[in-house]
Amino acid sequence: MRGQDRPRLTRRASVLLAAGLLAAAGTAALAQMAAEIVPPLTGAGQPMADTAAPPVPHWVVDDIRKMRAYPEQPPIIPHSIEGYQLSVNSNRCMSCHKREFTQGSGAPMISVTHYMTREGQMLADVSPRRYFCTACHVPQADTRPLIDNTFVDMSELGVGHAGDQ
């Protein structure tokens, strides 16, 4: 008989093939939906397109300390750091914020954690891993956020401190 020599797909192979095609189609559909849901953070639609650069933001330089948005957030820099030297040989931030200079400058002292090694050993000077301030601390710019923030602080939710009853 004709056609008996052709290999036929077994039931298991047919099911696996159908599942694979379904997974591929589902993945493509999810990727397309995700592209529509996630807001673009990169700016230009085409990565290599010529677009005008946004204006340089105005730095907030009022020297007023801002509330932190979440626990353990590094404090922002409330003053201009334009022209500050941050290199292996010098760090202008330390001329005011280092422990020995805070009384004369009136600046807040850097955290004691900046004098610790990874293993928690205290050092006499700032730890090399905490020496480049702008790796964590940034000046505040007067710009609108990239995405809306719906964060609500615990104190605004009516949660009191332990022992306040």
N, C-alpha and C. Protein backbone atom coordinates (compact mmCIF):
# COMPACT_ATOMS: atom_id res chain seq x y z
N MET A 1 0.83 -1.19 0.00
CA MET A 1 0.00 0.00 0.00
C MET A 1 0.87 1.25 0.00
N ARG A 2 0.33 2.24 -0.66
CA ARG A 2 1.09 3.49 -0.71
C ARG A 2 0.92 4.23 0.61
N GLY A 3 1.97 4.92 1.02
CA GLY A 3 1.91 5.75 2.23
C GLY A 3 2.25 5.01 3.49
N GLN A 4 2.41 3.70 3.44
CA GLN A 4 2.74 2.99 4.66
C GLN A 4 4.20 3.21 5.03
N ASP A 5 5.03 3.56 4.08
CA ASP A 5 6.46 3.76 4.35
C ASP A 5 6.74 5.11 5.01
N ARG A 6 5.81 6.07 4.91
CA ARG A 6 6.04 7.39 5.49
C ARG A 6 5.95 7.32 7.01
N PRO A 7 6.87 8.00 7.71
CA PRO A 7 6.75 8.02 9.18
C PRO A 7 5.59 8.92 9.58
N ARG A 8 4.80 8.48 10.53
CA ARG A 8 3.67 9.25 11.00
C ARG A 8 3.99 9.80 12.39
N LEU A 9 3.43 10.96 12.70
CA LEU A 9 3.61 11.54 14.03
C LEU A 9 2.80 10.73 15.03
N THR A 10 3.40 10.42 16.12
CA THR A 10 2.67 9.73 17.18
C THR A 10 1.77 10.73 17.88
N ARG A 11 0.89 10.25 18.66
CA ARG A 11 -0.03 11.12 19.39
C ARG A 11 0.74 12.05 20.33
N ARG A 12 1.75 11.49 20.99
CA ARG A 12 2.57 12.29 21.92
C ARG A 12 3.29 13.41 21.18
N ALA A 13 3.87 13.09 20.03
CA ALA A 13 4.59 14.10 19.25
C ALA A 13 3.64 15.18 18.75
N SER A 14 2.44 14.80 18.38
CA SER A 14 1.45 15.78 17.92
C SER A 14 1.06 16.73 19.04
N VAL A 15 0.88 16.19 20.24
CA VAL A 15 0.52 17.02 21.39
C VAL A 15 1.66 17.98 21.73
N LEU A 16 2.90 17.48 21.72
CA LEU A 16 4.05 18.33 22.01
C LEU A 16 4.22 19.43 20.96
N LEU A 17 4.00 19.11 19.70
CA LEU A 17 4.10 20.10 18.65
C LEU A 17 3.03 21.18 18.82
N ALA A 18 1.81 20.77 19.12
CA ALA A 18 0.73 21.74 19.33
C ALA A 18 1.01 22.62 20.54
N ALA A 19 1.54 22.03 21.62
CA ALA A 19 1.86 22.80 22.83
C ALA A 19 2.96 23.81 22.53
N GLY A 20 3.96 23.42 21.74
CA GLY A 20 5.04 24.33 21.38
C GLY A 20 4.55 25.50 20.56
N LEU A 21 3.70 25.23 19.59
CA LEU A 21 3.14 26.31 18.78
C LEU A 21 2.29 27.26 19.61
N LEU A 22 1.51 26.71 20.54
CA LEU A 22 0.68 27.52 21.42
C LEU A 22 1.54 28.41 22.33
N ALA A 23 2.63 27.84 22.86
CA ALA A 23 3.53 28.61 23.73
C ALA A 23 4.19 29.74 22.95
N ALA A 24 4.61 29.47 21.72
CA ALA A 24 5.25 30.50 20.91
C ALA A 24 4.27 31.64 20.61
N ALA A 25 3.05 31.28 20.27
CA ALA A 25 2.05 32.31 19.97
C ALA A 25 1.71 33.11 21.23
N GLY A 26 1.61 32.43 22.37
CA GLY A 26 1.30 33.11 23.63
C GLY A 26 2.41 34.05 24.05
N THR A 27 3.66 33.64 23.86
CA THR A 27 4.80 34.50 24.21
C THR A 27 4.81 35.76 23.35
N ALA A 28 4.54 35.62 22.08
CA ALA A 28 4.51 36.78 21.19
C ALA A 28 3.39 37.73 21.60
N ALA A 29 2.24 37.19 21.96
CA ALA A 29 1.11 38.03 22.37
C ALA A 29 1.43 38.77 23.67
N LEU A 30 2.06 38.08 24.63
CA LEU A 30 2.43 38.73 25.90
C LEU A 30 3.46 39.83 25.69
N ALA A 31 4.42 39.59 24.82
CA ALA A 31 5.44 40.61 24.55
C ALA A 31 4.80 41.85 23.94
N GLN A 32 3.84 41.67 23.05
CA GLN A 32 3.17 42.81 22.44
C GLN A 32 2.34 43.57 23.47
N MET A 33 1.65 42.85 24.38
CA MET A 33 0.86 43.51 25.42
C MET A 33 1.77 44.26 26.39
N ALA A 34 2.91 43.66 26.76
CA ALA A 34 3.82 44.30 27.71
C ALA A 34 4.37 45.59 27.12
N ALA A 35 4.63 45.61 25.83
CA ALA A 35 5.15 46.83 25.20
C ALA A 35 4.14 47.96 25.27
N GLU A 36 2.85 47.63 25.29
CA GLU A 36 1.81 48.66 25.37
C GLU A 36 1.57 49.10 26.80
N ILE A 37 1.80 48.22 27.80
CA ILE A 37 1.50 48.51 29.20
C ILE A 37 2.64 49.29 29.85
N VAL A 38 3.89 48.88 29.64
CA VAL A 38 5.04 49.47 30.30
C VAL A 38 5.33 50.83 29.68
N PRO A 39 5.41 51.90 30.49
CA PRO A 39 5.71 53.21 29.91
C PRO A 39 7.15 53.27 29.42
N PRO A 40 7.39 53.95 28.33
CA PRO A 40 8.76 54.05 27.84
C PRO A 40 9.59 54.96 28.75
N LEU A 41 10.74 54.49 29.16
CA LEU A 41 11.62 55.28 30.03
C LEU A 41 12.84 55.79 29.28
N THR A 42 13.02 55.34 28.06
CA THR A 42 14.21 55.69 27.32
C THR A 42 14.08 56.96 26.50
N GLY A 43 12.88 57.44 26.31
CA GLY A 43 12.71 58.67 25.55
C GLY A 43 12.29 58.41 24.13
N ALA A 44 13.26 58.40 23.22
CA ALA A 44 12.95 58.28 21.79
C ALA A 44 12.37 56.91 21.48
N GLY A 45 11.41 56.87 20.55
CA GLY A 45 10.82 55.61 20.14
C GLY A 45 11.84 54.72 19.45
N GLN A 46 12.63 55.30 18.58
CA GLN A 46 13.69 54.56 17.89
C GLN A 46 14.99 54.87 18.61
N PRO A 47 15.72 53.84 19.06
CA PRO A 47 16.94 54.09 19.84
C PRO A 47 17.97 54.94 19.14
N MET A 48 18.09 54.84 17.83
CA MET A 48 19.13 55.59 17.11
C MET A 48 18.59 56.82 16.40
N ALA A 49 17.34 57.19 16.69
CA ALA A 49 16.74 58.34 16.02
C ALA A 49 17.34 59.65 16.54
N ASP A 50 17.42 60.64 15.67
CA ASP A 50 17.90 61.96 16.07
C ASP A 50 16.74 62.71 16.73
N THR A 51 16.90 63.02 18.00
CA THR A 51 15.89 63.77 18.73
C THR A 51 16.57 64.90 19.48
N ALA A 52 15.81 65.94 19.76
CA ALA A 52 16.36 67.07 20.51
C ALA A 52 16.59 66.65 21.96
N ALA A 53 17.68 67.07 22.53
CA ALA A 53 17.97 66.76 23.92
C ALA A 53 17.05 67.56 24.83
N PRO A 54 16.59 66.95 25.93
CA PRO A 54 15.75 67.71 26.85
C PRO A 54 16.58 68.80 27.53
N PRO A 55 15.94 69.87 27.98
CA PRO A 55 16.71 70.93 28.63
C PRO A 55 17.34 70.42 29.93
N VAL A 56 18.46 71.00 30.28
CA VAL A 56 19.14 70.63 31.52
C VAL A 56 18.23 71.03 32.68
N PRO A 57 17.99 70.12 33.64
CA PRO A 57 17.08 70.45 34.73
C PRO A 57 17.67 71.52 35.65
N HIS A 58 16.79 72.24 36.30
CA HIS A 58 17.22 73.24 37.28
C HIS A 58 17.46 72.52 38.60
N TRP A 59 18.66 72.67 39.14
CA TRP A 59 18.99 72.02 40.40
C TRP A 59 18.35 72.79 41.53
N VAL A 60 17.83 72.06 42.50
CA VAL A 60 17.28 72.68 43.71
C VAL A 60 18.47 72.90 44.64
N VAL A 61 18.78 74.16 44.91
CA VAL A 61 19.96 74.49 45.71
C VAL A 61 19.58 75.36 46.90
N ASP A 62 18.47 75.03 47.56
CA ASP A 62 17.99 75.86 48.66
C ASP A 62 18.56 75.48 50.02
N ASP A 63 19.43 74.47 50.08
CA ASP A 63 20.06 74.00 51.32
C ASP A 63 19.04 73.55 52.37
N ILE A 64 17.86 73.15 51.94
CA ILE A 64 16.86 72.62 52.87
C ILE A 64 16.83 71.11 52.72
N ARG A 65 17.01 70.41 53.83
CA ARG A 65 16.98 68.96 53.79
C ARG A 65 15.60 68.46 53.42
N LYS A 66 15.54 67.49 52.53
CA LYS A 66 14.27 66.92 52.08
C LYS A 66 14.00 65.61 52.83
N MET A 67 12.71 65.32 52.98
CA MET A 67 12.32 64.04 53.57
C MET A 67 12.72 62.93 52.60
N ARG A 68 13.08 61.79 53.16
CA ARG A 68 13.40 60.65 52.31
C ARG A 68 12.11 59.97 51.88
N ALA A 69 12.12 59.42 50.69
CA ALA A 69 10.93 58.79 50.13
C ALA A 69 10.70 57.38 50.66
N TYR A 70 11.76 56.74 51.16
CA TYR A 70 11.63 55.37 51.66
C TYR A 70 12.76 55.13 52.67
N PRO A 71 12.58 54.14 53.56
CA PRO A 71 13.63 53.85 54.54
C PRO A 71 14.93 53.44 53.85
N GLU A 72 16.03 53.82 54.42
CA GLU A 72 17.37 53.51 53.92
C GLU A 72 17.71 54.23 52.61
N GLN A 73 16.91 55.21 52.19
CA GLN A 73 17.25 56.00 51.01
C GLN A 73 18.43 56.89 51.35
N PRO A 74 19.46 56.93 50.51
CA PRO A 74 20.55 57.88 50.76
C PRO A 74 20.02 59.30 50.69
N PRO A 75 20.44 60.18 51.59
CA PRO A 75 19.96 61.57 51.53
C PRO A 75 20.38 62.22 50.21
N ILE A 76 19.55 63.14 49.72
CA ILE A 76 19.92 63.87 48.51
C ILE A 76 20.84 65.02 48.90
N ILE A 77 21.51 65.58 47.93
CA ILE A 77 22.42 66.70 48.16
C ILE A 77 21.62 67.98 47.96
N PRO A 78 21.40 68.78 49.02
CA PRO A 78 20.55 69.96 48.88
C PRO A 78 21.28 71.23 48.45
N HIS A 79 22.46 71.07 47.85
CA HIS A 79 23.22 72.24 47.39
C HIS A 79 23.91 71.89 46.08
N SER A 80 24.42 72.89 45.41
CA SER A 80 25.11 72.66 44.14
C SER A 80 26.44 71.96 44.37
N ILE A 81 26.74 71.01 43.51
CA ILE A 81 28.06 70.36 43.56
C ILE A 81 28.81 70.58 42.25
N GLU A 82 28.37 71.58 41.50
CA GLU A 82 29.02 71.88 40.23
C GLU A 82 30.47 72.28 40.48
N GLY A 83 31.36 71.63 39.78
CA GLY A 83 32.79 71.92 39.92
C GLY A 83 33.45 71.17 41.07
N TYR A 84 32.72 70.34 41.79
CA TYR A 84 33.33 69.57 42.88
C TYR A 84 34.28 68.52 42.30
N GLN A 85 35.40 68.39 42.92
CA GLN A 85 36.38 67.40 42.52
C GLN A 85 36.10 66.11 43.27
N LEU A 86 35.83 65.02 42.55
CA LEU A 86 35.67 63.69 43.14
C LEU A 86 36.59 62.75 42.39
N SER A 87 37.75 62.49 42.95
CA SER A 87 38.70 61.60 42.31
C SER A 87 39.39 60.78 43.39
N VAL A 88 40.27 59.91 42.97
CA VAL A 88 41.00 59.08 43.92
C VAL A 88 41.83 59.94 44.86
N ASN A 89 42.30 61.10 44.37
CA ASN A 89 43.19 61.95 45.16
C ASN A 89 42.47 63.00 45.99
N SER A 90 41.24 63.35 45.64
CA SER A 90 40.55 64.39 46.42
C SER A 90 39.04 64.18 46.38
N ASN A 91 38.39 64.63 47.43
CA ASN A 91 36.94 64.57 47.53
C ASN A 91 36.50 65.82 48.27
N ARG A 92 35.96 66.77 47.55
CA ARG A 92 35.58 68.06 48.15
C ARG A 92 34.46 67.90 49.17
N CYS A 93 33.62 66.89 49.03
CA CYS A 93 32.53 66.67 49.99
C CYS A 93 33.09 66.49 51.40
N MET A 94 34.23 65.82 51.49
CA MET A 94 34.80 65.51 52.81
C MET A 94 35.31 66.76 53.52
N SER A 95 35.53 67.86 52.80
CA SER A 95 36.01 69.07 53.46
C SER A 95 34.95 69.67 54.38
N CYS A 96 33.69 69.27 54.24
CA CYS A 96 32.62 69.73 55.13
C CYS A 96 31.96 68.59 55.91
N HIS A 97 31.81 67.44 55.29
CA HIS A 97 31.00 66.37 55.87
C HIS A 97 31.79 65.31 56.63
N LYS A 98 33.10 65.35 56.60
CA LYS A 98 33.91 64.41 57.35
C LYS A 98 33.78 64.72 58.84
N ARG A 99 33.89 63.71 59.66
CA ARG A 99 33.65 63.83 61.10
C ARG A 99 34.40 65.01 61.72
N GLU A 100 35.66 65.19 61.37
CA GLU A 100 36.44 66.26 62.01
C GLU A 100 36.07 67.66 61.58
N PHE A 101 35.36 67.82 60.46
CA PHE A 101 35.08 69.15 59.93
C PHE A 101 33.63 69.61 60.11
N THR A 102 32.76 68.79 60.64
CA THR A 102 31.34 69.15 60.70
C THR A 102 31.05 70.28 61.68
N GLN A 103 31.78 70.37 62.76
CA GLN A 103 31.52 71.43 63.74
C GLN A 103 31.79 72.80 63.12
N GLY A 104 32.86 72.93 62.38
CA GLY A 104 33.19 74.21 61.76
C GLY A 104 32.32 74.55 60.57
N SER A 105 31.89 73.54 59.82
CA SER A 105 31.13 73.80 58.60
C SER A 105 29.62 73.84 58.84
N GLY A 106 29.15 73.18 59.89
CA GLY A 106 27.71 73.10 60.14
C GLY A 106 27.01 72.07 59.28
N ALA A 107 27.77 71.34 58.48
CA ALA A 107 27.20 70.31 57.61
C ALA A 107 26.96 69.04 58.42
N PRO A 108 25.97 68.23 58.03
CA PRO A 108 25.78 66.97 58.74
C PRO A 108 26.94 66.02 58.48
N MET A 109 27.30 65.27 59.51
CA MET A 109 28.40 64.31 59.38
C MET A 109 27.93 63.12 58.56
N ILE A 110 28.84 62.57 57.78
CA ILE A 110 28.49 61.36 57.03
C ILE A 110 28.22 60.24 58.03
N SER A 111 27.42 59.30 57.63
CA SER A 111 27.01 58.20 58.51
C SER A 111 28.22 57.40 58.97
N VAL A 112 28.10 56.85 60.17
CA VAL A 112 29.19 56.01 60.70
C VAL A 112 29.40 54.78 59.82
N THR A 113 28.37 54.38 59.06
CA THR A 113 28.53 53.23 58.16
C THR A 113 29.56 53.51 57.07
N HIS A 114 29.84 54.78 56.81
CA HIS A 114 30.84 55.13 55.80
C HIS A 114 32.26 54.89 56.29
N TYR A 115 32.41 54.62 57.59
CA TYR A 115 33.72 54.32 58.18
C TYR A 115 33.89 52.82 58.44
N MET A 116 33.02 51.99 57.84
CA MET A 116 33.06 50.54 58.08
C MET A 116 33.45 49.79 56.82
N THR A 117 34.13 48.66 57.04
CA THR A 117 34.41 47.76 55.92
C THR A 117 33.18 46.90 55.67
N ARG A 118 33.24 46.09 54.62
CA ARG A 118 32.13 45.17 54.34
C ARG A 118 31.87 44.23 55.49
N GLU A 119 32.92 43.87 56.20
CA GLU A 119 32.79 42.92 57.30
C GLU A 119 32.35 43.60 58.60
N GLY A 120 32.15 44.92 58.59
CA GLY A 120 31.69 45.64 59.77
C GLY A 120 32.80 46.15 60.67
N GLN A 121 34.04 46.07 60.22
CA GLN A 121 35.18 46.56 61.01
C GLN A 121 35.27 48.08 60.85
N MET A 122 35.41 48.79 61.99
CA MET A 122 35.49 50.25 61.95
C MET A 122 36.88 50.70 61.50
N LEU A 123 36.90 51.75 60.70
CA LEU A 123 38.14 52.32 60.19
C LEU A 123 38.34 53.73 60.76
N ALA A 124 39.55 54.23 60.71
CA ALA A 124 39.83 55.58 61.17
C ALA A 124 39.45 56.62 60.12
N ASP A 125 39.38 56.21 58.87
CA ASP A 125 39.05 57.12 57.78
C ASP A 125 37.89 56.53 56.96
N VAL A 126 37.39 57.28 56.02
CA VAL A 126 36.26 56.84 55.19
C VAL A 126 36.66 55.59 54.40
N SER A 127 35.77 54.64 54.36
CA SER A 127 36.00 53.39 53.64
C SER A 127 36.13 53.68 52.15
N PRO A 128 37.06 53.03 51.47
CA PRO A 128 37.20 53.25 50.03
C PRO A 128 35.93 52.94 49.25
N ARG A 129 35.11 52.02 49.73
CA ARG A 129 33.87 51.70 49.01
C ARG A 129 32.80 52.76 49.21
N ARG A 130 33.01 53.70 50.13
CA ARG A 130 32.05 54.79 50.36
C ARG A 130 32.63 56.15 50.02
N TYR A 131 33.77 56.18 49.35
CA TYR A 131 34.49 57.43 49.11
C TYR A 131 33.88 58.26 47.99
N PHE A 132 33.28 57.62 46.98
CA PHE A 132 32.72 58.35 45.85
C PHE A 132 31.24 58.63 46.11
N CYS A 133 30.97 59.77 46.71
CA CYS A 133 29.65 60.13 47.23
C CYS A 133 28.54 60.05 46.19
N THR A 134 28.82 60.52 44.97
CA THR A 134 27.76 60.59 43.96
C THR A 134 27.38 59.23 43.39
N ALA A 135 27.98 58.16 43.88
CA ALA A 135 27.51 56.83 43.49
C ALA A 135 26.15 56.56 44.13
N CYS A 136 25.88 57.18 45.28
CA CYS A 136 24.58 56.99 45.97
C CYS A 136 23.83 58.30 46.16
N HIS A 137 24.53 59.38 46.43
CA HIS A 137 23.89 60.67 46.71
C HIS A 137 23.86 61.51 45.45
N VAL A 138 22.70 62.13 45.19
CA VAL A 138 22.54 62.94 43.98
C VAL A 138 21.94 64.28 44.35
N PRO A 139 22.24 65.33 43.56
CA PRO A 139 21.56 66.61 43.78
C PRO A 139 20.10 66.49 43.37
N GLN A 140 19.25 67.28 43.98
CA GLN A 140 17.82 67.26 43.66
C GLN A 140 17.57 68.17 42.47
N ALA A 141 16.87 67.64 41.47
CA ALA A 141 16.53 68.42 40.29
C ALA A 141 15.04 68.70 40.29
N ASP A 142 14.69 69.84 39.74
CA ASP A 142 13.28 70.23 39.65
C ASP A 142 12.71 69.67 38.34
N THR A 143 12.37 68.39 38.35
CA THR A 143 11.83 67.72 37.17
C THR A 143 10.61 66.91 37.56
N ARG A 144 9.82 66.56 36.57
CA ARG A 144 8.67 65.72 36.86
C ARG A 144 9.14 64.26 36.84
N PRO A 145 8.50 63.40 37.64
CA PRO A 145 8.92 62.01 37.67
C PRO A 145 8.63 61.29 36.35
N LEU A 146 9.42 60.25 36.07
CA LEU A 146 9.21 59.48 34.85
C LEU A 146 7.90 58.72 34.90
N ILE A 147 7.55 58.21 36.07
CA ILE A 147 6.28 57.52 36.26
C ILE A 147 5.66 58.03 37.55
N ASP A 148 4.34 57.94 37.67
CA ASP A 148 3.67 58.42 38.87
C ASP A 148 4.04 57.57 40.07
N ASN A 149 4.17 58.21 41.22
CA ASN A 149 4.52 57.53 42.45
C ASN A 149 3.28 57.48 43.34
N THR A 150 2.88 56.29 43.74
CA THR A 150 1.71 56.14 44.60
C THR A 150 2.11 55.72 46.00
N PHE A 151 3.38 55.93 46.36
CA PHE A 151 3.86 55.54 47.68
C PHE A 151 3.15 56.35 48.76
N VAL A 152 2.73 55.68 49.82
CA VAL A 152 2.11 56.33 50.97
C VAL A 152 2.90 55.91 52.21
N ASP A 153 3.36 56.88 52.97
CA ASP A 153 4.14 56.60 54.17
C ASP A 153 3.26 55.96 55.24
N MET A 154 3.86 55.12 56.08
CA MET A 154 3.12 54.44 57.13
C MET A 154 2.42 55.42 58.07
N SER A 155 3.05 56.56 58.35
CA SER A 155 2.44 57.53 59.26
C SER A 155 1.16 58.11 58.67
N GLU A 156 1.07 58.19 57.34
CA GLU A 156 -0.13 58.69 56.70
C GLU A 156 -1.25 57.64 56.64
N LEU A 157 -0.88 56.39 56.87
CA LEU A 157 -1.88 55.31 56.88
C LEU A 157 -2.51 55.15 58.26
N GLY A 158 -2.07 55.95 59.23
CA GLY A 158 -2.64 55.88 60.57
C GLY A 158 -1.92 54.90 61.48
N VAL A 159 -0.77 54.41 61.05
CA VAL A 159 0.01 53.49 61.89
C VAL A 159 0.86 54.33 62.83
N GLY A 160 0.69 54.13 64.12
CA GLY A 160 1.45 54.88 65.11
C GLY A 160 2.71 54.15 65.54
N HIS A 161 3.52 54.82 66.35
CA HIS A 161 4.71 54.20 66.90
C HIS A 161 4.34 53.21 67.98
N ALA A 162 5.18 52.24 68.17
CA ALA A 162 4.95 51.25 69.22
C ALA A 162 4.97 51.97 70.58
N GLY A 163 3.99 51.71 71.41
CA GLY A 163 3.92 52.32 72.73
C GLY A 163 3.20 53.64 72.77
N ASP A 164 2.59 54.09 71.66
CA ASP A 164 1.88 55.37 71.63
C ASP A 164 0.46 55.28 72.16
N GLN A 165 -0.03 54.07 72.47
CA GLN A 165 -1.41 53.95 72.91
C GLN A 165 -1.60 54.52 74.29
